[in-house]
C-alpha atoms as a PDB file:
ATOM      1  CA  MET A   1     -64.645   8.976 -50.701  1.00  0.00           C
ATOM      2  CA  ALA A   2     -63.536   7.448 -54.010  1.00  0.00           C
ATOM      3  CA  PHE A   3     -61.140   4.579 -55.019  1.00  0.00           C
ATOM      4  CA  PHE A   4     -59.824   3.340 -58.402  1.00  0.00           C
ATOM      5  CA  GLU A   5     -57.690   0.342 -59.292  1.00  0.00           C
ATOM      6  CA  HIS A   6     -54.338   0.705 -60.975  1.00  0.00           C
ATOM      7  CA  ASP A   7     -51.673  -2.150 -61.324  1.00  0.00           C
ATOM      8  CA  ASP A   8     -52.873  -4.064 -58.309  1.00  0.00           C
ATOM      9  CA  ALA A   9     -53.184  -0.824 -56.292  1.00  0.00           C
ATOM     10  CA  THR A  10     -56.286   0.527 -54.754  1.00  0.00           C
ATOM     11  CA  ILE A  11     -55.959   4.452 -54.789  1.00  0.00           C
ATOM     12  CA  HIS A  12     -58.027   6.563 -52.536  1.00  0.00           C
ATOM     13  CA  TYR A  13     -58.691  10.157 -53.916  1.00  0.00           C
ATOM     14  CA  GLN A  14     -61.215  12.917 -53.726  1.00  0.00           C
ATOM     15  CA  VAL A  15     -62.330  15.661 -56.373  1.00  0.00           C
ATOM     16  CA  THR A  16     -63.592  19.001 -55.261  1.00  0.00           C
ATOM     17  CA  GLY A  17     -64.148  22.379 -56.786  1.00  0.00           C
ATOM     18  CA  ARG A  18     -64.438  23.417 -60.486  1.00  0.00           C
ATOM     19  CA  GLY A  19     -62.254  24.858 -62.940  1.00  0.00           C
ATOM     20  CA  PHE A  20     -58.839  23.792 -64.366  1.00  0.00           C
ATOM     21  CA  PRO A  21     -57.579  20.547 -62.866  1.00  0.00           C
ATOM     22  CA  VAL A  22     -54.844  20.615 -60.339  1.00  0.00           C
ATOM     23  CA  LEU A  23     -53.428  17.387 -59.045  1.00  0.00           C
ATOM     24  CA  LEU A  24     -52.219  17.570 -55.345  1.00  0.00           C
ATOM     25  CA  ILE A  25     -49.323  15.523 -54.139  1.00  0.00           C
ATOM     26  CA  ALA A  26     -49.297  15.568 -50.447  1.00  0.00           C
ATOM     27  CA  PRO A  27     -46.295  15.974 -48.000  1.00  0.00           C
ATOM     28  CA  GLY A  28     -45.462  13.154 -45.440  1.00  0.00           C
ATOM     29  CA  GLY A  29     -42.783  11.092 -47.211  1.00  0.00           C
ATOM     30  CA  MET A  30     -43.832   7.498 -47.464  1.00  0.00           C
ATOM     31  CA  HIS A  31     -46.939   8.624 -45.632  1.00  0.00           C
ATOM     32  CA  SER A  32     -48.032  10.979 -48.463  1.00  0.00           C
ATOM     33  CA  ALA A  33     -51.795  11.088 -47.855  1.00  0.00           C
ATOM     34  CA  PHE A  34     -54.008  14.172 -48.750  1.00  0.00           C
ATOM     35  CA  ASN A  35     -55.200  14.734 -45.124  1.00  0.00           C
ATOM     36  CA  LYS A  36     -51.606  15.871 -44.437  1.00  0.00           C
ATOM     37  CA  TRP A  37     -52.505  19.105 -46.148  1.00  0.00           C
ATOM     38  CA  ASN A  38     -54.676  20.138 -43.321  1.00  0.00           C
ATOM     39  CA  LEU A  39     -51.632  20.360 -41.191  1.00  0.00           C
ATOM     40  CA  MET A  40     -49.564  22.543 -43.542  1.00  0.00           C
ATOM     41  CA  PRO A  41     -49.167  26.387 -43.672  1.00  0.00           C
ATOM     42  CA  TRP A  42     -50.409  26.385 -47.278  1.00  0.00           C
ATOM     43  CA  ASN A  43     -53.340  24.032 -47.676  1.00  0.00           C
ATOM     44  CA  PRO A  44     -54.537  23.869 -51.289  1.00  0.00           C
ATOM     45  CA  LEU A  45     -57.569  21.808 -50.186  1.00  0.00           C
ATOM     46  CA  ALA A  46     -58.878  25.108 -48.822  1.00  0.00           C
ATOM     47  CA  SER A  47     -57.110  27.814 -50.929  1.00  0.00           C
ATOM     48  CA  LEU A  48     -57.625  26.424 -54.559  1.00  0.00           C
ATOM     49  CA  VAL A  49     -61.042  24.819 -54.364  1.00  0.00           C
ATOM     50  CA  ASP A  50     -63.012  27.898 -55.224  1.00  0.00           C
ATOM     51  CA  ASN A  51     -61.224  28.354 -58.600  1.00  0.00           C
ATOM     52  CA  PHE A  52     -59.951  24.952 -59.599  1.00  0.00           C
ATOM     53  CA  GLN A  53     -60.806  21.364 -59.776  1.00  0.00           C
ATOM     54  CA  VAL A  54     -58.639  19.824 -57.129  1.00  0.00           C
ATOM     55  CA  ILE A  55     -57.739  16.267 -57.306  1.00  0.00           C
ATOM     56  CA  ALA A  56     -56.111  15.000 -54.006  1.00  0.00           C
ATOM     57  CA  MET A  57     -54.863  11.386 -53.688  1.00  0.00           C
ATOM     58  CA  ASP A  58     -53.297   9.093 -51.114  1.00  0.00           C
ATOM     59  CA  GLN A  59     -50.107   7.596 -52.526  1.00  0.00           C
ATOM     60  CA  ARG A  60     -50.104   3.751 -52.541  1.00  0.00           C
ATOM     61  CA  ASN A  61     -49.619   2.263 -48.945  1.00  0.00           C
ATOM     62  CA  ALA A  62     -50.347   5.751 -47.471  1.00  0.00           C
ATOM     63  CA  GLY A  63     -53.660   6.993 -45.919  1.00  0.00           C
ATOM     64  CA  GLN A  64     -56.363   4.733 -47.498  1.00  0.00           C
ATOM     65  CA  SER A  65     -54.447   3.595 -50.529  1.00  0.00           C
ATOM     66  CA  THR A  66     -53.111  -0.053 -50.606  1.00  0.00           C
ATOM     67  CA  ALA A  67     -50.962  -2.056 -52.977  1.00  0.00           C
ATOM     68  CA  PRO A  68     -48.539  -4.943 -52.889  1.00  0.00           C
ATOM     69  CA  ILE A  69     -44.837  -4.181 -52.193  1.00  0.00           C
ATOM     70  CA  SER A  70     -42.053  -5.612 -54.287  1.00  0.00           C
ATOM     71  CA  ALA A  71     -38.391  -4.994 -55.060  1.00  0.00           C
ATOM     72  CA  SER A  72     -39.443  -3.390 -58.249  1.00  0.00           C
ATOM     73  CA  ASP A  73     -41.184  -0.664 -56.677  1.00  0.00           C
ATOM     74  CA  GLY A  74     -39.889   2.950 -57.067  1.00  0.00           C
ATOM     75  CA  TRP A  75     -40.459   6.601 -58.223  1.00  0.00           C
ATOM     76  CA  ASP A  76     -41.783   5.290 -61.584  1.00  0.00           C
ATOM     77  CA  THR A  77     -44.432   3.151 -59.758  1.00  0.00           C
ATOM     78  CA  TYR A  78     -45.918   6.340 -58.086  1.00  0.00           C
ATOM     79  CA  THR A  79     -45.744   8.215 -61.334  1.00  0.00           C
ATOM     80  CA  GLY A  80     -47.745   5.493 -63.050  1.00  0.00           C
ATOM     81  CA  ASP A  81     -50.519   5.697 -60.251  1.00  0.00           C
ATOM     82  CA  GLN A  82     -50.571   9.452 -60.501  1.00  0.00           C
ATOM     83  CA  LEU A  83     -51.009   9.473 -64.301  1.00  0.00           C
ATOM     84  CA  GLY A  84     -53.434   6.472 -63.893  1.00  0.00           C
ATOM     85  CA  LEU A  85     -55.676   8.652 -61.662  1.00  0.00           C
ATOM     86  CA  MET A  86     -55.807  11.427 -64.218  1.00  0.00           C
ATOM     87  CA  ASP A  87     -56.570   8.853 -66.906  1.00  0.00           C
ATOM     88  CA  GLU A  88     -59.362   7.406 -64.828  1.00  0.00           C
ATOM     89  CA  LEU A  89     -60.929  10.918 -64.514  1.00  0.00           C
ATOM     90  CA  GLY A  90     -60.456  11.496 -68.293  1.00  0.00           C
ATOM     91  CA  ILE A  91     -58.214  14.538 -67.612  1.00  0.00           C
ATOM     92  CA  ASP A  92     -55.588  14.989 -70.259  1.00  0.00           C
ATOM     93  CA  ARG A  93     -53.865  18.192 -69.261  1.00  0.00           C
ATOM     94  CA  PHE A  94     -53.616  19.514 -65.790  1.00  0.00           C
ATOM     95  CA  ALA A  95     -51.449  21.428 -63.329  1.00  0.00           C
ATOM     96  CA  VAL A  96     -49.682  19.734 -60.224  1.00  0.00           C
ATOM     97  CA  ALA A  97     -48.974  21.053 -56.748  1.00  0.00           C
ATOM     98  CA  GLY A  98     -46.953  19.151 -54.264  1.00  0.00           C
ATOM     99  CA  MET A  99     -44.978  19.508 -51.073  1.00  0.00           C
ATOM    100  CA  CYS A 100     -42.108  17.651 -49.622  1.00  0.00           C
ATOM    101  CA  ILE A 101     -41.813  14.247 -51.514  1.00  0.00           C
ATOM    102  CA  GLY A 102     -44.145  15.997 -53.936  1.00  0.00           C
ATOM    103  CA  GLY A 103     -41.177  17.773 -55.371  1.00  0.00           C
ATOM    104  CA  PRO A 104     -39.435  14.775 -56.860  1.00  0.00           C
ATOM    105  CA  TYR A 105     -42.883  13.243 -57.744  1.00  0.00           C
ATOM    106  CA  ILE A 106     -43.633  16.415 -59.734  1.00  0.00           C
ATOM    107  CA  THR A 107     -40.355  16.452 -61.653  1.00  0.00           C
ATOM    108  CA  GLY A 108     -40.905  12.619 -62.434  1.00  0.00           C
ATOM    109  CA  LEU A 109     -44.281  13.572 -63.909  1.00  0.00           C
ATOM    110  CA  CYS A 110     -42.750  16.461 -65.990  1.00  0.00           C
ATOM    111  CA  MET A 111     -40.201  13.883 -67.272  1.00  0.00           C
ATOM    112  CA  ALA A 112     -42.705  11.136 -68.061  1.00  0.00           C
ATOM    113  CA  ALA A 113     -45.475  13.286 -69.634  1.00  0.00           C
ATOM    114  CA  PRO A 114     -44.301  16.784 -70.255  1.00  0.00           C
ATOM    115  CA  GLU A 115     -47.144  17.420 -72.718  1.00  0.00           C
ATOM    116  CA  ARG A 116     -49.741  16.839 -69.973  1.00  0.00           C
ATOM    117  CA  ILE A 117     -48.319  19.143 -67.227  1.00  0.00           C
ATOM    118  CA  ALA A 118     -49.362  22.731 -67.658  1.00  0.00           C
ATOM    119  CA  ALA A 119     -47.727  24.082 -64.630  1.00  0.00           C
ATOM    120  CA  THR A 120     -46.387  23.053 -61.326  1.00  0.00           C
ATOM    121  CA  VAL A 121     -46.056  24.379 -57.730  1.00  0.00           C
ATOM    122  CA  ILE A 122     -43.337  22.705 -55.775  1.00  0.00           C
ATOM    123  CA  VAL A 123     -43.282  23.358 -51.994  1.00  0.00           C
ATOM    124  CA  GLN A 124     -40.158  22.788 -49.881  1.00  0.00           C
ATOM    125  CA  PRO A 125     -38.936  19.696 -51.828  1.00  0.00           C
ATOM    126  CA  ILE A 126     -37.019  16.918 -50.435  1.00  0.00           C
ATOM    127  CA  GLY A 127     -33.392  16.624 -51.611  1.00  0.00           C
ATOM    128  CA  LEU A 128     -29.819  15.303 -50.874  1.00  0.00           C
ATOM    129  CA  ASP A 129     -27.540  17.510 -48.732  1.00  0.00           C
ATOM    130  CA  ASN A 130     -25.552  15.389 -46.150  1.00  0.00           C
ATOM    131  CA  ASN A 131     -28.889  13.917 -45.100  1.00  0.00           C
ATOM    132  CA  GLN A 132     -29.242  10.445 -46.885  1.00  0.00           C
ATOM    133  CA  GLN A 133     -29.263   8.663 -43.733  1.00  0.00           C
ATOM    134  CA  ALA A 134     -32.331  10.437 -42.429  1.00  0.00           C
ATOM    135  CA  PHE A 135     -34.256   9.331 -45.576  1.00  0.00           C
ATOM    136  CA  TYR A 136     -33.216   5.767 -44.905  1.00  0.00           C
ATOM    137  CA  GLU A 137     -34.531   6.034 -41.337  1.00  0.00           C
ATOM    138  CA  MET A 138     -37.600   7.700 -42.492  1.00  0.00           C
ATOM    139  CA  PHE A 139     -38.297   4.820 -44.919  1.00  0.00           C
ATOM    140  CA  ASP A 140     -37.541   2.109 -42.355  1.00  0.00           C
ATOM    141  CA  GLY A 141     -39.889   3.642 -39.879  1.00  0.00           C
ATOM    142  CA  TRP A 142     -42.584   3.426 -42.433  1.00  0.00           C
ATOM    143  CA  ARG A 143     -41.481  -0.258 -43.216  1.00  0.00           C
ATOM    144  CA  VAL A 144     -41.927  -1.154 -39.582  1.00  0.00           C
ATOM    145  CA  GLU A 145     -45.515   0.047 -39.736  1.00  0.00           C
ATOM    146  CA  VAL A 146     -46.495  -1.487 -42.953  1.00  0.00           C
ATOM    147  CA  ALA A 147     -44.604  -4.729 -43.089  1.00  0.00           C
ATOM    148  CA  PRO A 148     -46.916  -6.815 -41.074  1.00  0.00           C
ATOM    149  CA  GLY A 149     -49.592  -6.231 -43.685  1.00  0.00           C
ATOM    150  CA  HIS A 150     -47.328  -7.166 -46.528  1.00  0.00           C
ATOM    151  CA  PRO A 151     -46.200 -10.812 -46.334  1.00  0.00           C
ATOM    152  CA  GLU A 152     -45.345 -10.843 -49.951  1.00  0.00           C
ATOM    153  CA  ALA A 153     -42.392  -8.527 -49.305  1.00  0.00           C
ATOM    154  CA  ASP A 154     -39.376  -9.933 -47.539  1.00  0.00           C
ATOM    155  CA  GLU A 155     -36.505  -7.854 -46.031  1.00  0.00           C
ATOM    156  CA  ALA A 156     -34.632  -7.925 -49.240  1.00  0.00           C
ATOM    157  CA  ALA A 157     -37.578  -6.584 -51.198  1.00  0.00           C
ATOM    158  CA  PHE A 158     -37.873  -3.742 -48.785  1.00  0.00           C
ATOM    159  CA  ASP A 159     -34.091  -3.085 -48.923  1.00  0.00           C
ATOM    160  CA  THR A 160     -34.170  -2.878 -52.681  1.00  0.00           C
ATOM    161  CA  PHE A 161     -37.374  -0.650 -52.698  1.00  0.00           C
ATOM    162  CA  ARG A 162     -35.510   1.669 -50.243  1.00  0.00           C
ATOM    163  CA  SER A 163     -32.469   1.947 -52.510  1.00  0.00           C
ATOM    164  CA  ASN A 164     -34.699   2.547 -55.591  1.00  0.00           C
ATOM    165  CA  MET A 165     -36.309   5.580 -53.702  1.00  0.00           C
ATOM    166  CA  TYR A 166     -33.346   7.046 -51.889  1.00  0.00           C
ATOM    167  CA  ASP A 167     -29.989   5.963 -53.166  1.00  0.00           C
ATOM    168  CA  GLY A 168     -30.102   8.606 -55.921  1.00  0.00           C
ATOM    169  CA  ASP A 169     -28.488  12.017 -55.978  1.00  0.00           C
ATOM    170  CA  PHE A 170     -30.017  15.690 -55.883  1.00  0.00           C
ATOM    171  CA  LEU A 171     -33.772  14.939 -55.981  1.00  0.00           C
ATOM    172  CA  PHE A 172     -33.312  11.174 -55.682  1.00  0.00           C
ATOM    173  CA  ASN A 173     -35.309  10.577 -58.973  1.00  0.00           C
ATOM    174  CA  THR A 174     -34.066  13.539 -60.884  1.00  0.00           C
ATOM    175  CA  THR A 175     -30.517  14.602 -61.795  1.00  0.00           C
ATOM    176  CA  ARG A 176     -29.403  18.171 -62.211  1.00  0.00           C
ATOM    177  CA  ASP A 177     -29.287  17.632 -66.084  1.00  0.00           C
ATOM    178  CA  GLN A 178     -32.784  16.272 -66.029  1.00  0.00           C
ATOM    179  CA  ALA A 179     -34.104  19.184 -63.904  1.00  0.00           C
ATOM    180  CA  ALA A 180     -32.432  21.750 -66.313  1.00  0.00           C
ATOM    181  CA  ALA A 181     -34.378  20.229 -69.172  1.00  0.00           C
ATOM    182  CA  ILE A 182     -37.775  20.597 -67.541  1.00  0.00           C
ATOM    183  CA  GLU A 183     -39.552  23.452 -69.243  1.00  0.00           C
ATOM    184  CA  THR A 184     -42.712  23.454 -67.463  1.00  0.00           C
ATOM    185  CA  PRO A 185     -43.682  26.707 -65.808  1.00  0.00           C
ATOM    186  CA  THR A 186     -42.985  26.219 -62.128  1.00  0.00           C
ATOM    187  CA  MET A 187     -43.468  28.160 -58.942  1.00  0.00           C
ATOM    188  CA  LEU A 188     -40.996  26.901 -56.222  1.00  0.00           C
ATOM    189  CA  LEU A 189     -41.488  27.791 -52.486  1.00  0.00           C
ATOM    190  CA  MET A 190     -38.221  27.209 -50.394  1.00  0.00           C
ATOM    191  CA  GLY A 191     -37.492  24.614 -47.871  1.00  0.00           C
ATOM    192  CA  SER A 192     -35.199  25.103 -44.913  1.00  0.00           C
ATOM    193  CA  ASP A 193     -34.808  22.007 -42.899  1.00  0.00           C
ATOM    194  CA  LEU A 194     -33.198  18.475 -42.752  1.00  0.00           C
ATOM    195  CA  TYR A 195     -35.522  16.717 -45.236  1.00  0.00           C
ATOM    196  CA  HIS A 196     -36.047  19.864 -47.327  1.00  0.00           C
ATOM    197  CA  PRO A 197     -32.658  21.562 -47.690  1.00  0.00           C
ATOM    198  CA  GLU A 198     -32.511  25.199 -48.687  1.00  0.00           C
ATOM    199  CA  SER A 199     -29.670  24.297 -50.921  1.00  0.00           C
ATOM    200  CA  THR A 200     -31.921  21.929 -52.968  1.00  0.00           C
ATOM    201  CA  SER A 201     -34.722  24.550 -53.378  1.00  0.00           C
ATOM    202  CA  ARG A 202     -32.192  27.091 -54.458  1.00  0.00           C
ATOM    203  CA  GLU A 203     -30.440  24.911 -56.919  1.00  0.00           C
ATOM    204  CA  LEU A 204     -33.515  23.531 -58.483  1.00  0.00           C
ATOM    205  CA  ALA A 205     -34.873  27.021 -58.871  1.00  0.00           C
ATOM    206  CA  ALA A 206     -31.776  28.003 -60.650  1.00  0.00           C
ATOM    207  CA  LEU A 207     -31.711  24.905 -62.848  1.00  0.00           C
ATOM    208  CA  MET A 208     -35.261  24.963 -64.056  1.00  0.00           C
ATOM    209  CA  PRO A 209     -35.537  27.407 -66.909  1.00  0.00           C
ATOM    210  CA  ASN A 210     -39.074  28.566 -66.266  1.00  0.00           C
ATOM    211  CA  CYS A 211     -39.258  28.838 -62.451  1.00  0.00           C
ATOM    212  CA  THR A 212     -40.525  31.538 -60.154  1.00  0.00           C
ATOM    213  CA  PHE A 213     -38.754  31.200 -56.556  1.00  0.00           C
ATOM    214  CA  ILE A 214     -40.341  32.249 -53.378  1.00  0.00           C
ATOM    215  CA  GLU A 215     -38.080  32.332 -50.382  1.00  0.00           C
ATOM    216  CA  ASP A 216     -40.357  33.550 -47.570  1.00  0.00           C
ATOM    217  CA  TRP A 217     -43.936  32.026 -47.375  1.00  0.00           C
ATOM    218  CA  LYS A 218     -44.808  30.115 -44.255  1.00  0.00           C
ATOM    219  CA  ASP A 219     -46.635  32.546 -42.071  1.00  0.00           C
ATOM    220  CA  GLY A 220     -48.335  36.052 -41.817  1.00  0.00           C
ATOM    221  CA  ASP A 221     -48.277  38.465 -44.753  1.00  0.00           C
ATOM    222  CA  ALA A 222     -45.787  36.249 -46.489  1.00  0.00           C
ATOM    223  CA  LEU A 223     -48.071  33.296 -46.410  1.00  0.00           C
ATOM    224  CA  ALA A 224     -51.097  35.395 -47.672  1.00  0.00           C
ATOM    225  CA  SER A 225     -48.958  36.799 -50.517  1.00  0.00           C
ATOM    226  CA  ALA A 226     -47.581  33.447 -51.580  1.00  0.00           C
ATOM    227  CA  THR A 227     -51.222  31.864 -51.576  1.00  0.00           C
ATOM    228  CA  ALA A 228     -52.409  34.789 -53.834  1.00  0.00           C
ATOM    229  CA  GLU A 229     -49.436  34.261 -56.081  1.00  0.00           C
ATOM    230  CA  ILE A 230     -49.880  30.509 -56.260  1.00  0.00           C
ATOM    231  CA  SER A 231     -53.613  31.025 -57.413  1.00  0.00           C
ATOM    232  CA  ALA A 232     -52.686  33.555 -59.909  1.00  0.00           C
ATOM    233  CA  PHE A 233     -49.893  31.476 -61.273  1.00  0.00           C
ATOM    234  CA  LEU A 234     -52.120  28.307 -61.669  1.00  0.00           C
ATOM    235  CA  GLY A 235     -54.810  30.574 -63.129  1.00  0.00           C
ATOM    236  CA  GLN A 236     -52.415  31.578 -65.907  1.00  0.00           C
ATOM    237  CA  ALA A 237     -51.919  27.891 -66.755  1.00  0.00           C
ATOM    238  CA  SER A 238     -55.443  27.315 -67.519  1.00  0.00           C
END
């Protein structure tokens, strides 16, 4: 168990394995904590550790990570934590793999520090497709859980924070034009439900100029094949 301090946040993380570094950004929405990987069809904590240095983190105010909450919080706040962790570890260039909310976090990293991101794996990214209310409700459920521990944040601060996260279009923090400008080699595994619309995966894969798209990956032979393809793809990035 390890922690580091960044911009008043205390971030919980772990480092396992050896090899080229891969930063993991877990699923779970506002509850993005690395133990969530153990519940997923593809678990990089298990499948990547033999060949890569795997850096897993709990996002602020998820899992064992804590931070104050303010109206200025948004996607860039999390990007700062993610890059701050890699700075703390002395890692300049790395790959990133993320699921769910990890999709826009990854595109945010590619926009903020393209020279540092060697490759990305985006698994069933969240996106906007007649589902914005579902994201507002997801945020509000998280708010109810964490608000008692954050007397510094009033209802207006939480409302603005929610807007900063989920009022946007497409990937919420990434426009279509921005996605089309991301040249980082990417492997994208398709989503197919309310929070991870198939339409978002297909459009993002079509927009990104260096993207390999996998439609079927969640079980059986397809999962085994996708797992092998991901490892080979990340191996090329190193």
